[in-house]
């Protein structure tokens, strides 16, 4: 999305870094110190956001066969529950080749299905896992070392911090999750983000667009671009969590057609009629999803499983695995109907649903 934040707002809001980026930097410092025997005061890593960032180490303790470092997370001007948390990495030599990654004190352990990490694993999400692995591999290769290492990420205050998050309800026990898809935290200012949406729709209109594709983030935008390849770049707008606001603004600025592209988690809320889909705005109504499953022809057993599910994604996986594909079209139709109710009609609305990996699930269009 172009010109996401007005220039004045952009200058006023300072970006921060994710727990995943902090864990990666701490790992690089610890591994470098382990190899060289020299304490490291900082580490520079390359982020998925395609930029370098340098992290200062709060501590670097050499223990002979292992080194433990820590860095303080800075969330910028969007302080969340993990702002100022100490993120630590301990790296040690092991006999077997390769890189072993695990979580220690304060990093949660996954106990329920439906999350991007397998049950029993440390709650270190896929992108941070990749960042840590790739960075460690680069350091080892730069020194010409083939010996195996073990990396343990810990957060001393993680268990206490986790009480301020949704981890417990999601079945992540004992601490926080190590998260982040871009490595940076973009400051969340409602006024700034809404202004950026208004501006983006204005740019689309000025470019001659009367059909826009609104998405909840960069990943769903990528899927939208693939689905609507004929549309110009200006037609794709990241609405974040502001579904209702964006729909009203599209109508106000004279758009004729709006296509919503997203995934189970947030769009399950839209299907319920929730138009502000932040994780804290409203819980997923699993009774509602069970009802959709029933209407789509799911067996009583599947309906019961949907009602007891842990996440909306898990419900989607259940339906897909059992061939209840009508479930996704039903859910998309509900999204469209609630969107039109929100803006009292006036334009055509389509909804497309994808998995986290970009697999198409279903679609509906209502005028």
Protein backbone atom coordinates (compact mmCIF):
# COMPACT_ATOMS: atom_id res chain seq x y z
CA UNK A 1 0.00 0.00 0.00
CA UNK A 2 1.45 3.35 -0.94
CA UNK A 3 2.06 6.25 1.46
CA UNK A 4 0.86 4.28 4.45
CA UNK A 5 1.37 7.00 7.01
CA UNK A 6 1.28 10.78 6.57
CA UNK A 7 4.84 12.15 6.72
CA UNK A 8 4.27 14.08 9.94
CA UNK A 9 2.90 11.00 11.73
CA UNK A 10 5.72 8.86 10.34
CA UNK A 11 8.33 11.13 11.94
CA UNK A 12 6.53 11.16 15.26
CA UNK A 13 6.25 7.39 15.62
CA UNK A 14 9.40 5.33 16.23
CA UNK A 15 9.60 1.74 15.00
CA UNK A 16 10.72 -1.04 17.29
CA UNK A 17 11.82 -4.65 16.97
CA UNK A 18 10.11 -7.98 17.44
CA UNK A 19 11.00 -10.66 19.98
CA UNK A 20 12.10 -12.78 17.01
CA UNK A 21 14.59 -10.14 15.88
CA UNK A 22 15.91 -9.76 19.43
CA UNK A 23 16.34 -13.52 19.82
CA UNK A 24 18.20 -13.69 16.49
CA UNK A 25 20.57 -10.86 17.43
CA UNK A 26 21.26 -12.37 20.86
CA UNK A 27 22.00 -15.71 19.17
CA UNK A 28 24.46 -14.13 16.73
CA UNK A 29 26.29 -12.40 19.59
CA UNK A 30 26.39 -15.56 21.71
CA UNK A 31 27.61 -17.77 18.86
CA UNK A 32 30.26 -15.25 17.82
CA UNK A 33 31.50 -15.04 21.40
CA UNK A 34 31.50 -18.84 21.70
CA UNK A 35 33.68 -19.16 18.59
CA UNK A 36 36.07 -16.27 19.25
CA UNK A 37 36.19 -16.35 23.05
CA UNK A 38 35.61 -12.57 23.00
CA UNK A 39 32.55 -10.98 24.67
CA UNK A 40 30.22 -9.27 22.19
CA UNK A 41 28.59 -5.94 23.00
CA UNK A 42 26.38 -5.79 19.90
CA UNK A 43 25.14 -7.76 16.90
CA UNK A 44 23.93 -6.65 13.48
CA UNK A 45 21.38 -8.81 11.66
CA UNK A 46 19.44 -8.61 8.39
CA UNK A 47 15.69 -8.43 8.97
CA UNK A 48 12.89 -9.89 6.81
CA UNK A 49 11.84 -6.24 6.32
CA UNK A 50 14.96 -6.06 4.10
CA UNK A 51 17.07 -3.82 6.30
CA UNK A 52 19.95 -4.23 8.72
CA UNK A 53 19.55 -3.54 12.42
CA UNK A 54 22.12 -3.42 15.22
CA UNK A 55 21.19 -4.60 18.71
CA UNK A 56 23.09 -3.76 21.89
CA UNK A 57 23.73 -6.64 24.26
CA UNK A 58 22.70 -6.16 27.87
CA UNK A 59 24.98 -9.02 28.91
CA UNK A 60 27.43 -11.54 27.44
CA UNK A 61 28.55 -14.34 29.76
CA UNK A 62 31.20 -16.83 28.62
CA UNK A 63 30.80 -20.17 30.35
CA UNK A 64 33.43 -22.27 28.60
CA UNK A 65 31.40 -24.64 26.45
CA UNK A 66 28.53 -22.17 26.15
CA UNK A 67 27.83 -18.43 25.98
CA UNK A 68 24.69 -16.62 27.13
CA UNK A 69 23.78 -13.16 25.89
CA UNK A 70 20.75 -10.95 26.40
CA UNK A 71 19.25 -7.91 24.72
CA UNK A 72 16.42 -5.64 25.87
CA UNK A 73 13.47 -5.52 23.49
CA UNK A 74 12.54 -2.05 22.29
CA UNK A 75 9.04 -1.97 20.80
CA UNK A 76 9.43 1.65 19.72
CA UNK A 77 6.38 3.87 20.13
CA UNK A 78 4.07 0.87 20.19
CA UNK A 79 4.98 -0.61 23.59
CA UNK A 80 3.28 -3.97 23.91
CA UNK A 81 3.43 -6.56 26.67
CA UNK A 82 7.01 -7.49 25.76
CA UNK A 83 8.39 -3.94 25.61
CA UNK A 84 11.65 -3.74 27.66
CA UNK A 85 11.69 -7.52 28.15
CA UNK A 86 15.10 -9.20 28.37
CA UNK A 87 15.45 -11.72 25.52
CA UNK A 88 18.29 -14.18 26.06
CA UNK A 89 20.06 -16.78 23.95
CA UNK A 90 22.44 -19.45 25.20
CA UNK A 91 24.52 -21.24 22.56
CA UNK A 92 26.53 -24.37 23.30
CA UNK A 93 28.50 -26.98 21.36
CA UNK A 94 26.94 -30.40 20.76
CA UNK A 95 28.37 -33.60 19.30
CA UNK A 96 25.83 -34.14 16.54
CA UNK A 97 26.04 -31.86 13.47
CA UNK A 98 23.39 -29.27 12.73
CA UNK A 99 21.53 -26.62 14.69
CA UNK A 100 19.15 -27.48 17.55
CA UNK A 101 16.74 -24.72 18.62
CA UNK A 102 14.61 -24.80 21.76
CA UNK A 103 12.95 -22.54 24.28
CA UNK A 104 14.00 -22.15 27.90
CA UNK A 105 12.58 -20.28 30.88
CA UNK A 106 9.83 -17.84 29.96
CA UNK A 107 9.28 -19.12 26.42
CA UNK A 108 5.92 -20.86 26.17
CA UNK A 109 5.35 -24.45 25.12
CA UNK A 110 2.54 -25.31 22.66
CA UNK A 111 -0.06 -27.67 24.11
CA UNK A 112 -2.94 -27.35 21.63
CA UNK A 113 -3.29 -27.81 17.88
CA UNK A 114 -4.28 -25.01 15.50
CA UNK A 115 -1.11 -22.94 15.89
CA UNK A 116 1.78 -22.59 13.39
CA UNK A 117 4.06 -24.51 15.80
CA UNK A 118 3.60 -28.21 16.54
CA UNK A 119 2.31 -29.43 19.92
CA UNK A 120 5.19 -29.95 22.34
CA UNK A 121 7.48 -27.45 20.62
CA UNK A 122 8.70 -24.16 22.08
CA UNK A 123 6.47 -21.27 20.97
CA UNK A 124 9.01 -19.85 18.54
CA UNK A 125 7.08 -19.00 15.38
CA UNK A 126 8.20 -20.07 11.87
CA UNK A 127 9.77 -16.78 10.73
CA UNK A 128 11.85 -16.26 13.91
CA UNK A 129 12.91 -19.93 13.71
CA UNK A 130 14.10 -19.35 10.17
CA UNK A 131 15.86 -16.11 11.11
CA UNK A 132 17.71 -17.75 14.02
CA UNK A 133 18.69 -20.83 11.98
CA UNK A 134 19.89 -18.86 8.96
CA UNK A 135 21.85 -16.34 11.04
CA UNK A 136 23.54 -19.08 13.08
CA UNK A 137 24.38 -20.98 9.89
CA UNK A 138 25.96 -17.86 8.35
CA UNK A 139 28.12 -17.29 11.45
CA UNK A 140 29.29 -20.92 11.50
CA UNK A 141 30.09 -20.86 7.78
CA UNK A 142 31.95 -17.54 8.05
CA UNK A 143 34.33 -19.17 10.55
CA UNK A 144 34.48 -22.44 8.61
CA UNK A 145 32.98 -24.43 11.52
CA UNK A 146 31.00 -27.64 10.95
CA UNK A 147 30.41 -28.63 14.59
CA UNK A 148 26.82 -28.72 15.83
CA UNK A 149 25.30 -26.20 18.22
CA UNK A 150 22.29 -25.95 20.50
CA UNK A 151 20.45 -22.64 20.89
CA UNK A 152 18.10 -22.02 23.80
CA UNK A 153 16.02 -18.84 23.80
CA UNK A 154 14.71 -17.66 27.17
CA UNK A 155 12.84 -14.69 28.62
CA UNK A 156 13.35 -14.41 32.40
CA UNK A 157 10.07 -12.53 32.95
CA UNK A 158 8.22 -14.38 30.20
CA UNK A 159 5.80 -16.30 32.38
CA UNK A 160 4.65 -13.10 34.08
CA UNK A 161 4.45 -11.19 30.79
CA UNK A 162 2.37 -14.00 29.25
CA UNK A 163 -0.44 -13.25 31.71
CA UNK A 164 -1.04 -10.04 29.73
CA UNK A 165 -1.42 -11.96 26.46
CA UNK A 166 -3.82 -14.49 24.93
CA UNK A 167 -1.23 -17.29 25.18
CA UNK A 168 -2.96 -19.18 27.98
CA UNK A 169 -6.26 -19.34 26.09
CA UNK A 170 -4.43 -20.55 22.98
CA UNK A 171 -2.74 -23.33 24.91
CA UNK A 172 0.74 -21.78 25.04
CA UNK A 173 1.88 -22.54 28.57
CA UNK A 174 4.80 -21.26 30.62
CA UNK A 175 5.70 -18.03 28.87
CA UNK A 176 5.50 -15.81 25.83
CA UNK A 177 5.81 -16.59 22.15
CA UNK A 178 8.79 -15.51 20.08
CA UNK A 179 7.09 -13.71 17.21
CA UNK A 180 7.52 -11.44 14.22
CA UNK A 181 7.24 -11.77 10.45
CA UNK A 182 9.18 -8.66 9.45
CA UNK A 183 11.51 -8.16 12.41
CA UNK A 184 10.19 -4.67 13.05
CA UNK A 185 7.22 -3.39 15.05
CA UNK A 186 5.29 -0.70 13.24
CA UNK A 187 3.84 1.74 15.79
CA UNK A 188 0.12 1.30 16.06
CA UNK A 189 -1.67 4.63 16.08
CA UNK A 190 -5.36 4.35 15.22
CA UNK A 191 -5.53 7.91 13.90
CA UNK A 192 -2.38 7.46 11.81
CA UNK A 193 -3.47 4.12 10.40
CA UNK A 194 -6.96 5.37 9.53
CA UNK A 195 -5.40 8.40 7.85
CA UNK A 196 -3.21 6.08 5.80
CA UNK A 197 -6.28 4.09 4.70
CA UNK A 198 -8.09 7.25 3.61
CA UNK A 199 -5.00 8.34 1.72
CA UNK A 200 -4.58 4.95 0.03
CA UNK A 201 -8.19 4.92 -1.18
CA UNK A 202 -7.74 8.47 -2.46
CA UNK A 203 -4.65 7.38 -4.40
CA UNK A 204 -6.59 4.43 -5.85
CA UNK A 205 -9.45 6.73 -6.88
CA UNK A 206 -7.04 9.24 -8.45
CA UNK A 207 -5.52 6.37 -10.43
CA UNK A 208 -8.90 5.55 -11.90
CA UNK A 209 -9.65 2.51 -9.71
CA UNK A 210 -13.26 1.71 -8.97
CA UNK A 211 -12.46 -1.79 -7.72
CA UNK A 212 -10.17 -2.11 -4.70
CA UNK A 213 -8.86 -5.14 -2.81
CA UNK A 214 -8.70 -4.65 0.95
CA UNK A 215 -6.57 -6.97 3.07
CA UNK A 216 -5.66 -7.37 6.73
CA UNK A 217 -1.89 -7.41 6.13
CA UNK A 218 1.04 -8.02 3.82
CA UNK A 219 0.54 -11.77 3.52
CA UNK A 220 -3.12 -11.55 2.56
CA UNK A 221 -2.27 -8.67 0.20
CA UNK A 222 0.16 -11.00 -1.59
CA UNK A 223 -2.67 -13.52 -2.05
CA UNK A 224 -4.97 -10.76 -3.27
CA UNK A 225 -2.44 -9.63 -5.88
CA UNK A 226 -2.25 -13.20 -7.15
CA UNK A 227 -6.05 -13.47 -7.32
CA UNK A 228 -6.54 -10.12 -9.05
CA UNK A 229 -3.46 -9.77 -11.31
CA UNK A 230 -5.14 -7.32 -13.69
CA UNK A 231 -5.56 -4.63 -11.01
CA UNK A 232 -2.92 -1.92 -10.60
CA UNK A 233 -0.77 -1.67 -7.48
CA UNK A 234 -2.84 1.27 -6.21
CA UNK A 235 -5.94 -0.95 -5.95
CA UNK A 236 -4.46 -3.01 -3.09
CA UNK A 237 -5.03 -1.52 0.35
CA UNK A 238 -3.97 -2.87 3.73
CA UNK A 239 -6.80 -2.10 6.13
CA UNK A 240 -5.24 -3.80 9.15
CA UNK A 241 -7.96 -4.41 11.72
CA UNK A 242 -10.20 -1.54 10.53
CA UNK A 243 -12.65 -3.46 8.36
CA UNK A 244 -15.75 -1.34 9.01
CA UNK A 245 -13.89 1.96 8.69
CA UNK A 246 -12.30 0.91 5.39
CA UNK A 247 -15.58 -0.29 3.89
CA UNK A 248 -17.31 3.00 4.79
CA UNK A 249 -14.43 4.99 3.34
CA UNK A 250 -14.57 2.97 0.11
CA UNK A 251 -18.25 3.80 -0.22
CA UNK A 252 -17.68 7.46 0.68
CA UNK A 253 -15.02 7.83 -2.00
CA UNK A 254 -17.17 6.24 -4.67
CA UNK A 255 -15.71 2.77 -5.09
CA UNK A 256 -18.04 0.42 -6.96
CA UNK A 257 -16.55 -2.93 -5.97
CA UNK A 258 -14.59 -4.04 -2.90
CA UNK A 259 -12.92 -7.43 -2.62
CA UNK A 260 -11.88 -8.52 0.87
CA UNK A 261 -9.01 -11.02 1.04
CA UNK A 262 -7.92 -12.63 4.29
CA UNK A 263 -7.59 -15.68 6.49
CA UNK A 264 -9.70 -17.61 8.98
CA UNK A 265 -8.79 -15.79 12.18
CA UNK A 266 -9.88 -12.24 11.36
CA UNK A 267 -12.50 -13.11 8.76
CA UNK A 268 -14.26 -15.42 11.21
CA UNK A 269 -14.91 -12.24 13.20
CA UNK A 270 -16.15 -10.34 10.14
CA UNK A 271 -18.53 -13.23 9.44
CA UNK A 272 -19.88 -12.74 12.99
CA UNK A 273 -20.45 -9.03 12.26
CA UNK A 274 -17.36 -7.76 14.10
CA UNK A 275 -15.87 -4.92 12.06
CA UNK A 276 -12.84 -4.13 14.21
CA UNK A 277 -10.85 -7.35 14.19
CA UNK A 278 -7.92 -6.67 16.52
CA UNK A 279 -7.06 -9.72 18.65
CA UNK A 280 -8.46 -7.96 21.72
CA UNK A 281 -11.62 -6.63 20.04
CA UNK A 282 -13.78 -9.73 20.35
CA UNK A 283 -13.23 -13.46 20.80
CA UNK A 284 -13.90 -15.97 18.06
CA UNK A 285 -17.41 -17.36 18.51
CA UNK A 286 -16.92 -21.09 18.07
CA UNK A 287 -20.66 -21.71 18.42
CA UNK A 288 -21.11 -19.47 15.39
CA UNK A 289 -18.47 -21.40 13.41
CA UNK A 290 -20.10 -24.68 14.45
CA UNK A 291 -23.40 -23.34 13.08
CA UNK A 292 -21.74 -22.46 9.77
CA UNK A 293 -20.27 -25.98 9.65
CA UNK A 294 -23.71 -27.48 10.26
CA UNK A 295 -25.28 -25.42 7.46
CA UNK A 296 -22.44 -26.52 5.18
CA UNK A 297 -23.31 -30.18 5.75
CA UNK A 298 -20.66 -31.17 8.31
CA UNK A 299 -21.33 -34.31 10.35
CA UNK A 300 -22.49 -33.90 13.97
CA UNK A 301 -19.05 -35.07 15.12
CA UNK A 302 -17.29 -32.39 13.05
CA UNK A 303 -19.72 -29.74 14.28
CA UNK A 304 -18.91 -30.75 17.86
CA UNK A 305 -15.17 -30.57 17.13
CA UNK A 306 -15.59 -27.09 15.66
CA UNK A 307 -17.39 -25.98 18.80
CA UNK A 308 -14.49 -27.19 20.96
CA UNK A 309 -11.69 -25.91 18.70
CA UNK A 310 -8.82 -23.76 19.93
CA UNK A 311 -8.48 -21.39 16.96
CA UNK A 312 -10.46 -20.44 13.85
CA UNK A 313 -7.61 -21.84 11.72
CA UNK A 314 -8.10 -25.20 13.41
CA UNK A 315 -11.78 -25.18 12.43
CA UNK A 316 -10.74 -24.41 8.85
CA UNK A 317 -8.24 -27.28 8.85
CA UNK A 318 -10.94 -29.65 10.17
CA UNK A 319 -13.36 -28.67 7.42
CA UNK A 320 -10.75 -28.85 4.66
CA UNK A 321 -9.43 -32.23 5.83
CA UNK A 322 -12.95 -33.66 5.79
CA UNK A 323 -13.97 -32.17 2.46
CA UNK A 324 -16.58 -29.76 3.85
CA UNK A 325 -15.61 -27.10 1.31
CA UNK A 326 -19.05 -25.46 1.43
CA UNK A 327 -18.07 -24.23 4.92
CA UNK A 328 -15.69 -21.66 3.42
CA UNK A 329 -18.19 -20.36 0.87
CA UNK A 330 -20.77 -20.02 3.66
CA UNK A 331 -18.29 -18.11 5.82
CA UNK A 332 -17.37 -15.82 2.90
CA UNK A 333 -21.07 -15.15 2.22
CA UNK A 334 -21.55 -14.15 5.87
CA UNK A 335 -18.59 -11.76 5.57
CA UNK A 336 -20.13 -10.13 2.50
CA UNK A 337 -23.58 -9.80 4.07
CA UNK A 338 -22.19 -8.24 7.25
CA UNK A 339 -20.01 -5.89 5.23
CA UNK A 340 -23.03 -4.68 3.25
CA UNK A 341 -25.06 -4.31 6.45
CA UNK A 342 -22.25 -2.20 7.92
CA UNK A 343 -22.30 0.28 5.04
CA UNK A 344 -26.03 -0.04 4.24
CA UNK A 345 -25.36 -1.24 0.70
CA UNK A 346 -24.25 0.81 -2.23
CA UNK A 347 -21.47 -1.31 -3.68
CA UNK A 348 -20.55 -4.87 -4.57
CA UNK A 349 -18.58 -6.84 -1.96
CA UNK A 350 -16.61 -10.05 -2.49
CA UNK A 351 -14.74 -12.11 0.10
CA UNK A 352 -11.93 -14.60 -0.57
CA UNK A 353 -10.51 -16.85 2.12
CA UNK A 354 -7.01 -18.35 2.17
CA UNK A 355 -4.90 -20.46 4.49
CA UNK A 356 -1.76 -19.01 6.08
CA UNK A 357 0.23 -20.72 3.33
CA UNK A 358 -1.83 -19.15 0.56
CA UNK A 359 -4.08 -22.06 -0.33
CA UNK A 360 -7.48 -20.88 -1.63
CA UNK A 361 -10.39 -21.98 0.56
CA UNK A 362 -13.52 -20.27 -0.69
CA UNK A 363 -15.18 -17.17 -2.10
CA UNK A 364 -18.51 -15.35 -2.24
CA UNK A 365 -19.77 -12.14 -3.83
CA UNK A 366 -22.87 -10.18 -2.87
CA UNK A 367 -24.29 -6.95 -4.28
